[in-house]
Protein backbone atom coordinates (compact mmCIF):
# COMPACT_ATOMS: atom_id res chain seq x y z
CA MET A 1 -13.54 3.04 34.19
CA ASN A 2 -16.42 2.02 31.95
CA LYS A 3 -16.33 0.61 28.43
CA SER A 4 -16.36 3.98 26.63
CA GLU A 5 -13.53 5.26 28.85
CA LEU A 6 -11.54 2.09 28.16
CA ILE A 7 -12.10 2.54 24.42
CA ALA A 8 -10.91 6.16 24.61
CA SER A 9 -7.79 5.20 26.61
CA LEU A 10 -6.87 2.38 24.26
CA SER A 11 -7.45 4.61 21.26
CA GLU A 12 -5.07 7.25 22.65
CA GLU A 13 -2.43 4.72 23.64
CA THR A 14 -2.46 2.74 20.38
CA ALA A 15 -3.40 5.41 17.82
CA PHE A 16 -6.20 3.14 16.52
CA SER A 17 -9.58 4.76 15.97
CA LYS A 18 -12.20 4.45 18.70
CA LYS A 19 -14.36 2.52 16.25
CA ASP A 20 -11.60 -0.06 15.64
CA VAL A 21 -10.86 -0.39 19.36
CA ALA A 22 -14.58 -0.88 20.11
CA ARG A 23 -14.74 -3.68 17.52
CA VAL A 24 -11.70 -5.39 19.06
CA ILE A 25 -13.17 -5.19 22.58
CA ASP A 26 -16.53 -6.51 21.36
CA SER A 27 -14.75 -9.35 19.54
CA PHE A 28 -12.69 -10.14 22.64
CA THR A 29 -15.78 -10.42 24.85
CA ARG A 30 -17.60 -12.57 22.27
CA ILE A 31 -14.60 -14.91 21.97
CA VAL A 32 -14.28 -15.23 25.76
CA GLU A 33 -18.03 -15.96 26.05
CA ARG A 34 -17.91 -18.53 23.24
CA THR A 35 -14.85 -20.24 24.73
CA LEU A 36 -16.38 -20.40 28.21
CA LYS A 37 -19.63 -21.70 26.74
CA LYS A 38 -17.64 -24.63 25.31
CA GLY A 39 -16.31 -25.31 28.83
CA GLU A 40 -12.79 -24.19 27.99
CA LYS A 41 -10.53 -21.85 29.96
CA VAL A 42 -9.18 -18.48 28.72
CA SER A 43 -5.75 -17.54 30.11
CA LEU A 44 -3.94 -14.25 29.59
CA THR A 45 -0.47 -14.72 31.05
CA GLY A 46 0.24 -12.13 33.73
CA PHE A 47 -3.31 -10.75 33.64
CA GLY A 48 -5.55 -13.64 34.67
CA SER A 49 -7.75 -16.57 33.73
CA PHE A 50 -11.46 -16.97 33.05
CA TRP A 51 -13.24 -20.31 33.51
CA ILE A 52 -16.65 -21.78 34.29
CA SER A 53 -17.41 -23.26 37.71
CA MET A 54 -20.56 -25.09 38.76
CA ARG A 55 -22.38 -23.81 41.82
CA PRO A 56 -24.19 -26.82 43.32
CA ALA A 57 -27.93 -26.90 44.03
CA ARG A 58 -28.77 -25.50 47.46
CA ASN A 59 -31.60 -24.40 49.67
CA GLY A 60 -32.30 -20.72 50.11
CA ILE A 61 -34.87 -18.35 51.57
CA ASN A 62 -37.04 -15.95 49.59
CA PRO A 63 -36.35 -12.64 51.40
CA ALA A 64 -39.80 -11.25 50.59
CA THR A 65 -41.85 -14.19 51.87
CA LYS A 66 -39.30 -15.90 54.15
CA LYS A 67 -40.30 -19.22 52.51
CA ARG A 68 -37.65 -21.87 51.90
CA ILE A 69 -36.88 -22.38 48.21
CA SER A 70 -34.72 -24.81 46.30
CA LEU A 71 -32.09 -23.16 44.10
CA PRO A 72 -30.87 -25.25 41.15
CA ALA A 73 -27.23 -25.89 40.26
CA VAL A 74 -25.87 -23.20 37.93
CA ASN A 75 -22.70 -22.54 35.97
CA VAL A 76 -20.97 -19.29 36.91
CA PRO A 77 -18.03 -17.50 35.29
CA ARG A 78 -14.90 -17.15 37.44
CA PHE A 79 -11.80 -14.99 37.12
CA LYS A 80 -8.48 -15.34 38.91
CA THR A 81 -5.90 -12.58 38.64
CA GLY A 82 -2.50 -13.34 37.21
CA LYS A 83 0.72 -12.80 39.11
CA ASN A 84 1.63 -9.49 37.43
CA LEU A 85 -1.83 -7.94 37.92
CA ARG A 86 -1.95 -9.09 41.54
CA LYS A 87 1.51 -7.62 42.18
CA THR A 88 0.58 -4.30 40.53
CA VAL A 89 -2.67 -3.93 42.48
CA ARG A 90 -1.02 -4.76 45.81
CA ALA A 91 1.41 -1.89 45.32
CA VAL A 92 -1.41 0.68 44.96
CA LYS A 93 -1.97 3.04 47.88
CA ILE A 94 -5.65 3.86 48.38
CA GLY A 95 -6.76 6.79 50.48
């Protein structure tokens, strides 16, 4: 499911216009980004949590030249599923 499909599904389920749903989704993503940028955690009970984790500096290899390179420490977003989402996904039969 992509963003436009999510907007359509939410619009059908809630009876809000697609335009209103799109604004809510855009606002949600901006708020999550802003909160993470401040170093704070975003938790949605039952769904999951977003937070920032630091990946330490490390050595790597440039695949094109095979030369060793030094990769700097970086902050990366993380997501851990909540109990309800994890339980729902485990019950799904694939294939």
